Amino acid sequence: MTLNPSIFLASLLLLSACAGTGKKTEENNARLQQLPEVNKVEVITLQRADFSRQVLSNGKLSAAAKACLAFRSGGTLQTVNVRNGQRVKAGDVLAKVSREDLALAVESARIALQKAEMDLYDYLVGQGYPARDTSSIPGDLLAMAKMRSGYSVARNALARAEFDLNGTVLKAPFSGRVADIRLRRYDLAGSDSFCTLVDDSAFDVDFSIMESEYGFVREGLSVKVTPFAGDAQVYMGQITAVSPTVDSYGQIMVRARIKGSAGLIDGMNVRICVEQKMPGQLVVPRSAVVIRDNLDVLFTYSDDGKAHWIYVNILASNGESHVVEANTDRGAQLLEGDRVIVSGNLNLADGSSVTLK
């Protein structure tokens, strides 16, 4: 079979073109690999601003007032006027127990007092004083007459009987909400508590700080309290006490008072944030500071498209920002107006080429 010369020539030209194209592609790939990588970064202009220094801790809420209520006089529970969660006022009757014997004892004591009173007046009349008018009787004589007639003993017995009878009625000592009712009607009430009364108009929270933070907190300083549960609503409070001692773990106990709210309950676990304003500080986002040579550095952006690192000292921190100053021991300088790189800085080196996003 004879090959057509024109077809043979065309095939050679096609093979040559393909080989040339492949060679150019390899050269372009190699050239791209040799191009320096340019990092895309974001910058802010460094300015002085007020900084909220924070101390963070955890704690548990306790009601401003809380009491386990029990009957002074035991008996069969006759009346229950409340339910769990119900709000009551000081003096409201929560429950009663039935004690007919105590009611009879009061009546007997009252009768005994009336008899003693009659004996007292008979004695005074026998001493020449008018009946039922003791204003003109000397005090020592009147006291002796009350003792001899049995009046003082009878009056004390009546007061004791009334005290015991009043112990069958359980009243709220302060306003609050009823919790943990342990007895039902017809149960036998003894010395155990009937319920717990919680004053949720205000709450205390105890939390600990480190010894190094002692100079930061003081009475009257505001705190933010956020429950672990719920919608993360923030409640405001004030520090009411700072312990003057350090425990074995190097911690100091602090107490704050928070005004009550429908979102807070006794025993709730919360986060505490103590804030204090530091005016006129060089503040940068936490993302701006990275570690180089085991030291804190941040990068600034220059007009020639280069990143330059600056050694810094972190003076204070909160959840979002750092207060920084130049590390003069390393010859660093940091000024207002510097453009600080805040993202894309994790892999930068001093003098890296960067471009702004």
Protein backbone atom coordinates (compact mmCIF):
# COMPACT_ATOMS: atom_id res chain seq x y z
CA MET A 1 0.00 0.00 0.00
CA THR A 2 1.44 3.36 -1.06
CA LEU A 3 1.09 6.33 1.46
CA ASN A 4 -0.05 9.61 -0.05
CA PRO A 5 2.80 12.18 0.41
CA SER A 6 0.40 15.01 1.20
CA ILE A 7 -1.30 13.03 3.93
CA PHE A 8 2.04 12.06 5.42
CA LEU A 9 3.17 15.71 5.48
CA ALA A 10 -0.03 16.83 7.21
CA SER A 11 0.39 14.19 9.92
CA LEU A 12 3.93 15.34 10.64
CA LEU A 13 2.79 18.95 11.00
CA LEU A 14 -0.03 17.94 13.39
CA LEU A 15 2.30 15.93 15.62
CA SER A 16 4.76 18.81 15.72
CA ALA A 17 2.06 21.28 16.76
CA CYS A 18 0.80 19.02 19.58
CA ALA A 19 4.31 18.55 20.92
CA GLY A 20 4.87 22.30 20.91
CA THR A 21 1.62 22.96 22.74
CA GLY A 22 2.45 20.42 25.46
CA LYS A 23 5.87 21.94 25.96
CA LYS A 24 4.42 25.46 26.34
CA THR A 25 1.86 24.20 28.91
CA GLU A 26 4.60 22.65 31.03
CA GLU A 27 6.62 25.85 30.88
CA ASN A 28 3.59 27.95 31.94
CA ASN A 29 2.86 25.64 34.90
CA ALA A 30 6.45 25.83 36.05
CA ARG A 31 6.38 29.62 35.76
CA LEU A 32 3.18 29.81 37.85
CA GLN A 33 4.71 27.63 40.53
CA GLN A 34 7.67 29.98 40.76
CA LEU A 35 5.50 33.10 41.21
CA PRO A 36 5.51 34.34 44.85
CA GLU A 37 2.26 33.69 46.79
CA VAL A 38 0.33 36.86 47.59
CA ASN A 39 -1.84 36.66 50.74
CA LYS A 40 -5.17 38.45 50.88
CA VAL A 41 -5.61 40.33 54.15
CA GLU A 42 -7.96 42.69 55.94
CA VAL A 43 -6.70 45.73 57.84
CA ILE A 44 -7.96 48.28 60.38
CA THR A 45 -6.55 51.69 61.23
CA LEU A 46 -5.13 51.62 64.75
CA GLN A 47 -6.81 54.15 67.05
CA ARG A 48 -7.07 54.74 70.76
CA ALA A 49 -10.41 53.72 72.27
CA ASP A 50 -12.05 52.81 75.56
CA PHE A 51 -11.54 49.16 76.42
CA SER A 52 -13.79 47.00 78.61
CA ARG A 53 -11.49 44.88 80.72
CA GLN A 54 -13.26 41.69 81.78
CA VAL A 55 -12.99 39.05 84.47
CA LEU A 56 -15.03 35.94 83.67
CA SER A 57 -16.27 33.33 86.13
CA ASN A 58 -19.11 30.90 86.82
CA GLY A 59 -21.49 30.83 89.76
CA LYS A 60 -24.89 29.74 91.07
CA LEU A 61 -27.81 31.97 92.00
CA SER A 62 -29.27 31.95 95.48
CA ALA A 63 -32.42 33.81 96.45
CA ALA A 64 -32.06 36.89 98.65
CA ALA A 65 -34.22 35.12 101.27
CA LYS A 66 -35.11 31.45 101.47
CA ALA A 67 -36.71 29.52 104.32
CA CYS A 68 -37.98 26.01 105.01
CA LEU A 69 -41.30 26.45 106.82
CA ALA A 70 -42.65 23.98 109.39
CA PHE A 71 -45.50 23.94 111.92
CA ARG A 72 -44.58 24.64 115.53
CA SER A 73 -47.40 22.33 116.64
CA GLY A 74 -47.80 18.97 114.95
CA GLY A 75 -51.11 17.47 113.90
CA THR A 76 -53.25 16.37 110.97
CA LEU A 77 -53.01 18.72 108.01
CA GLN A 78 -56.47 20.22 107.66
CA THR A 79 -56.11 23.02 105.10
CA VAL A 80 -53.62 23.69 102.29
CA ASN A 81 -54.07 27.12 100.68
CA VAL A 82 -51.10 27.19 98.27
CA ARG A 83 -49.50 25.30 95.41
CA ASN A 84 -45.94 25.12 94.10
CA GLY A 85 -44.93 28.29 92.28
CA GLN A 86 -47.67 30.40 93.82
CA ARG A 87 -46.70 33.91 94.89
CA VAL A 88 -47.73 34.93 98.42
CA LYS A 89 -47.42 38.01 100.60
CA ALA A 90 -45.99 38.27 104.10
CA GLY A 91 -48.62 37.13 106.62
CA ASP A 92 -50.65 35.00 104.19
CA VAL A 93 -51.89 31.71 105.67
CA LEU A 94 -50.27 28.82 103.81
CA ALA A 95 -51.75 25.84 105.69
CA LYS A 96 -53.37 24.74 108.98
CA VAL A 97 -53.32 21.60 111.12
CA SER A 98 -56.19 20.39 113.25
CA ARG A 99 -55.57 20.41 117.04
CA GLU A 100 -58.81 20.53 119.04
CA ASP A 101 -56.89 19.83 122.22
CA LEU A 102 -54.94 23.06 121.84
CA ALA A 103 -58.13 25.04 121.26
CA LEU A 104 -59.58 23.57 124.48
CA ALA A 105 -56.37 24.38 126.33
CA VAL A 106 -56.73 28.04 125.32
CA GLU A 107 -60.31 28.13 126.57
CA SER A 108 -59.33 26.52 129.87
CA ALA A 109 -56.47 28.98 130.32
CA ARG A 110 -58.80 31.89 129.64
CA ILE A 111 -61.27 30.66 132.30
CA ALA A 112 -58.41 30.21 134.81
CA LEU A 113 -57.26 33.76 134.12
CA GLN A 114 -60.75 35.14 134.76
CA LYS A 115 -60.91 33.34 138.12
CA ALA A 116 -57.44 34.60 139.08
CA GLU A 117 -58.49 38.13 138.14
CA MET A 118 -61.49 37.91 140.49
CA ASP A 119 -59.24 36.64 143.29
CA LEU A 120 -56.90 39.56 142.62
CA TYR A 121 -59.67 42.14 143.00
CA ASP A 122 -60.98 40.43 146.17
CA TYR A 123 -57.50 40.69 147.67
CA LEU A 124 -57.18 44.37 146.75
CA VAL A 125 -60.60 45.17 148.23
CA GLY A 126 -59.55 43.42 151.43
CA GLN A 127 -56.53 45.74 151.52
CA GLY A 128 -58.82 48.79 151.34
CA TYR A 129 -58.36 49.65 147.65
CA PRO A 130 -61.23 50.17 145.17
CA ALA A 131 -62.12 47.18 142.97
CA ARG A 132 -60.92 47.20 139.35
CA ASP A 133 -59.00 50.45 139.79
CA THR A 134 -55.32 49.73 140.21
CA SER A 135 -53.97 53.15 139.25
CA SER A 136 -53.63 54.25 142.88
CA ILE A 137 -52.06 51.01 144.13
CA PRO A 138 -48.27 51.03 144.74
CA GLY A 139 -46.40 48.94 142.18
CA ASP A 140 -44.77 46.56 144.65
CA LEU A 141 -48.09 45.89 146.39
CA LEU A 142 -49.86 45.24 143.08
CA ALA A 143 -47.15 42.81 141.98
CA MET A 144 -47.43 40.91 145.25
CA ALA A 145 -51.23 40.76 144.90
CA LYS A 146 -50.94 39.30 141.38
CA MET A 147 -48.59 36.62 142.64
CA ARG A 148 -50.74 35.65 145.67
CA SER A 149 -53.96 35.54 143.62
CA GLY A 150 -52.36 33.40 140.92
CA TYR A 151 -53.10 36.08 138.31
CA SER A 152 -49.54 36.24 136.94
CA VAL A 153 -49.35 32.44 136.53
CA ALA A 154 -52.78 32.28 134.87
CA ARG A 155 -51.90 35.06 132.44
CA ASN A 156 -48.67 33.33 131.46
CA ALA A 157 -50.51 30.02 130.98
CA LEU A 158 -52.99 31.68 128.62
CA ALA A 159 -50.18 33.23 126.57
CA ARG A 160 -48.49 29.82 126.30
CA ALA A 161 -51.70 28.09 125.22
CA GLU A 162 -52.37 30.76 122.56
CA PHE A 163 -48.79 30.43 121.31
CA ASP A 164 -49.21 26.66 120.88
CA LEU A 165 -52.53 27.13 119.08
CA ASN A 166 -51.07 29.74 116.74
CA GLY A 167 -48.41 27.17 115.88
CA THR A 168 -51.08 25.16 114.03
CA VAL A 169 -51.33 27.97 111.46
CA LEU A 170 -48.43 28.36 109.03
CA LYS A 171 -47.97 31.92 107.72
CA ALA A 172 -45.53 33.37 105.20
CA PRO A 173 -42.78 35.29 107.07
CA PHE A 174 -41.99 37.33 103.92
CA SER A 175 -43.30 37.77 100.39
CA GLY A 176 -42.13 35.25 97.81
CA ARG A 177 -42.96 32.09 95.90
CA VAL A 178 -43.88 28.73 97.37
CA ALA A 179 -41.75 25.74 96.40
CA ASP A 180 -41.22 22.09 97.35
CA ILE A 181 -44.54 21.41 99.12
CA ARG A 182 -43.95 18.08 100.86
CA LEU A 183 -47.31 17.37 102.51
CA ARG A 184 -50.90 16.96 101.37
CA ARG A 185 -54.19 17.37 103.17
CA TYR A 186 -54.75 14.77 105.92
CA ASP A 187 -51.02 14.02 106.15
CA LEU A 188 -49.54 14.09 109.63
CA ALA A 189 -47.46 17.24 110.05
CA GLY A 190 -44.53 16.96 112.43
CA SER A 191 -41.20 18.73 112.77
CA ASP A 192 -40.35 18.28 109.08
CA SER A 193 -40.84 21.29 106.79
CA PHE A 194 -44.11 21.74 104.95
CA CYS A 195 -42.67 23.83 102.09
CA THR A 196 -39.91 26.23 101.07
CA LEU A 197 -40.53 29.94 100.59
CA VAL A 198 -38.25 31.76 98.13
CA ASP A 199 -37.93 35.53 97.85
CA ASP A 200 -37.06 35.97 94.18
CA SER A 201 -37.17 39.76 94.20
CA ALA A 202 -33.35 39.65 94.23
CA PHE A 203 -30.59 37.04 93.93
CA ASP A 204 -27.06 36.69 95.20
CA VAL A 205 -24.36 34.95 93.20
CA ASP A 206 -21.06 33.78 94.66
CA PHE A 207 -18.12 33.35 92.30
CA SER A 208 -14.35 33.17 92.52
CA ILE A 209 -11.56 35.20 90.95
CA MET A 210 -7.83 34.61 90.81
CA GLU A 211 -5.50 36.24 93.31
CA SER A 212 -3.96 38.30 90.50
CA GLU A 213 -7.38 39.83 89.78
CA TYR A 214 -7.98 41.05 93.34
CA GLY A 215 -7.06 44.65 92.53
CA PHE A 216 -9.50 44.66 89.63
CA VAL A 217 -12.75 44.02 91.57
CA ARG A 218 -14.30 46.18 94.27
CA GLU A 219 -17.68 46.70 95.92
CA GLY A 220 -20.13 48.59 93.74
CA LEU A 221 -18.59 47.43 90.44
CA SER A 222 -21.16 46.35 87.84
CA VAL A 223 -21.43 42.74 86.71
CA LYS A 224 -23.21 41.03 83.83
CA VAL A 225 -24.93 37.73 84.57
CA THR A 226 -25.95 35.31 81.82
CA PRO A 227 -27.78 32.03 82.57
CA PHE A 228 -26.42 28.88 80.95
CA ALA A 229 -29.98 27.94 80.03
CA GLY A 230 -32.53 30.00 78.11
CA ASP A 231 -32.05 32.70 75.50
CA ALA A 232 -28.75 34.04 76.89
CA GLN A 233 -30.39 37.20 78.21
CA VAL A 234 -28.01 39.40 80.20
CA TYR A 235 -28.93 40.67 83.69
CA MET A 236 -27.12 43.47 85.49
CA GLY A 237 -25.94 43.42 89.09
CA GLN A 238 -23.42 44.91 91.50
CA ILE A 239 -20.65 43.45 93.63
CA THR A 240 -21.66 43.62 97.30
CA ALA A 241 -18.73 41.85 99.00
CA VAL A 242 -15.15 40.81 98.25
CA SER A 243 -13.48 38.33 100.58
CA PRO A 244 -10.19 39.62 102.07
CA THR A 245 -8.66 36.11 102.09
CA VAL A 246 -7.19 33.79 99.47
CA ASP A 247 -8.08 30.09 99.65
CA SER A 248 -5.74 27.15 99.13
CA TYR A 249 -6.41 27.23 95.38
CA GLY A 250 -5.31 30.84 95.02
CA GLN A 251 -8.87 32.10 94.59
CA ILE A 252 -10.91 34.87 96.21
CA MET A 253 -14.66 34.67 96.77
CA VAL A 254 -16.85 37.52 95.50
CA ARG A 255 -20.59 38.08 95.97
CA ALA A 256 -22.87 40.14 93.71
CA ARG A 257 -26.54 41.09 94.03
CA ILE A 258 -28.85 40.85 90.99
CA LYS A 259 -32.34 42.25 90.88
CA GLY A 260 -35.01 39.60 90.41
CA SER A 261 -36.57 38.79 87.05
CA ALA A 262 -38.95 36.28 85.57
CA GLY A 263 -35.99 34.64 83.84
CA LEU A 264 -34.05 33.84 87.03
CA ILE A 265 -34.68 31.10 89.58
CA ASP A 266 -32.97 29.92 92.74
CA GLY A 267 -30.07 27.52 92.10
CA MET A 268 -29.60 28.52 88.45
CA ASN A 269 -26.06 28.20 87.01
CA VAL A 270 -24.81 31.42 85.45
CA ARG A 271 -21.80 33.07 83.83
CA ILE A 272 -20.47 36.24 85.42
CA CYS A 273 -18.62 38.99 83.59
CA VAL A 274 -17.06 41.84 85.57
CA GLU A 275 -16.20 44.82 83.37
CA GLN A 276 -14.12 47.90 83.95
CA LYS A 277 -13.43 50.70 81.46
CA MET A 278 -9.83 51.45 80.48
CA PRO A 279 -9.90 54.72 78.50
CA GLY A 280 -7.55 55.67 75.66
CA GLN A 281 -6.04 52.26 74.85
CA LEU A 282 -4.62 50.78 71.64
CA VAL A 283 -7.24 48.10 70.98
CA VAL A 284 -7.03 45.39 68.30
CA PRO A 285 -9.16 42.31 67.61
CA ARG A 286 -7.84 39.10 69.12
CA SER A 287 -7.30 37.77 65.58
CA ALA A 288 -4.68 40.48 64.94
CA VAL A 289 -2.17 38.99 67.41
CA VAL A 290 -0.26 35.84 66.45
CA ILE A 291 2.79 34.01 67.82
CA ARG A 292 6.23 34.31 66.25
CA ASP A 293 9.46 33.22 67.98
CA ASN A 294 7.28 32.35 71.01
CA LEU A 295 6.37 36.03 71.34
CA ASP A 296 3.22 38.02 70.57
CA VAL A 297 3.36 39.93 67.31
CA LEU A 298 0.98 41.73 64.99
CA PHE A 299 1.46 42.66 61.34
CA THR A 300 1.11 46.11 59.84
CA TYR A 301 0.44 46.85 56.19
CA SER A 302 2.68 49.24 54.24
CA ASP A 303 1.98 51.09 50.99
CA ASP A 304 4.41 48.87 49.09
CA GLY A 305 2.12 45.87 49.69
CA LYS A 306 4.31 44.30 52.37
CA ALA A 307 3.46 42.94 55.83
CA HIS A 308 5.81 43.85 58.65
CA TRP A 309 5.64 42.23 62.04
CA ILE A 310 5.84 44.18 65.27
CA TYR A 311 6.51 42.61 68.67
CA VAL A 312 3.83 43.65 71.18
CA ASN A 313 2.88 43.18 74.82
CA ILE A 314 -0.72 42.33 75.67
CA LEU A 315 -1.82 44.52 78.59
CA ALA A 316 -5.41 43.27 78.94
CA SER A 317 -7.90 41.07 77.10
CA ASN A 318 -11.58 40.35 76.85
CA GLY A 319 -13.62 38.00 74.70
CA GLU A 320 -13.15 40.06 71.51
CA SER A 321 -10.09 42.29 71.83
CA HIS A 322 -6.59 42.88 73.22
CA VAL A 323 -5.02 46.03 74.59
CA VAL A 324 -1.49 46.13 73.13
CA GLU A 325 1.65 48.20 73.33
CA ALA A 326 4.92 47.97 71.42
CA ASN A 327 7.48 45.60 72.93
CA THR A 328 10.27 48.13 73.31
CA ASP A 329 12.65 45.42 74.54
CA ARG A 330 12.58 44.11 70.96
CA GLY A 331 12.94 47.58 69.43
CA ALA A 332 9.31 47.67 68.29
CA GLN A 333 7.26 50.80 67.63
CA LEU A 334 3.48 51.00 67.33
CA LEU A 335 1.63 54.23 66.58
CA GLU A 336 -1.89 55.45 66.06
CA GLY A 337 -2.74 55.43 62.36
CA ASP A 338 -0.81 52.23 61.63
CA ARG A 339 -2.78 49.82 59.45
CA VAL A 340 -2.98 46.56 61.37
CA ILE A 341 -3.70 43.28 59.59
CA VAL A 342 -6.58 41.48 61.31
CA SER A 343 -7.17 38.47 59.02
CA GLY A 344 -5.10 36.37 56.66
CA ASN A 345 -2.08 36.72 58.95
CA LEU A 346 -1.64 33.15 60.17
CA ASN A 347 1.04 32.23 57.62
CA LEU A 348 2.67 35.61 57.15
CA ALA A 349 6.36 36.30 57.65
CA ASP A 350 8.10 39.62 58.00
CA GLY A 351 8.16 41.22 54.54
CA SER A 352 5.50 38.95 53.01
CA SER A 353 3.69 40.34 49.99
CA VAL A 354 0.01 40.92 50.69
CA THR A 355 -2.99 42.38 48.93
CA LEU A 356 -6.07 43.90 50.51
CA LYS A 357 -9.36 42.08 50.24
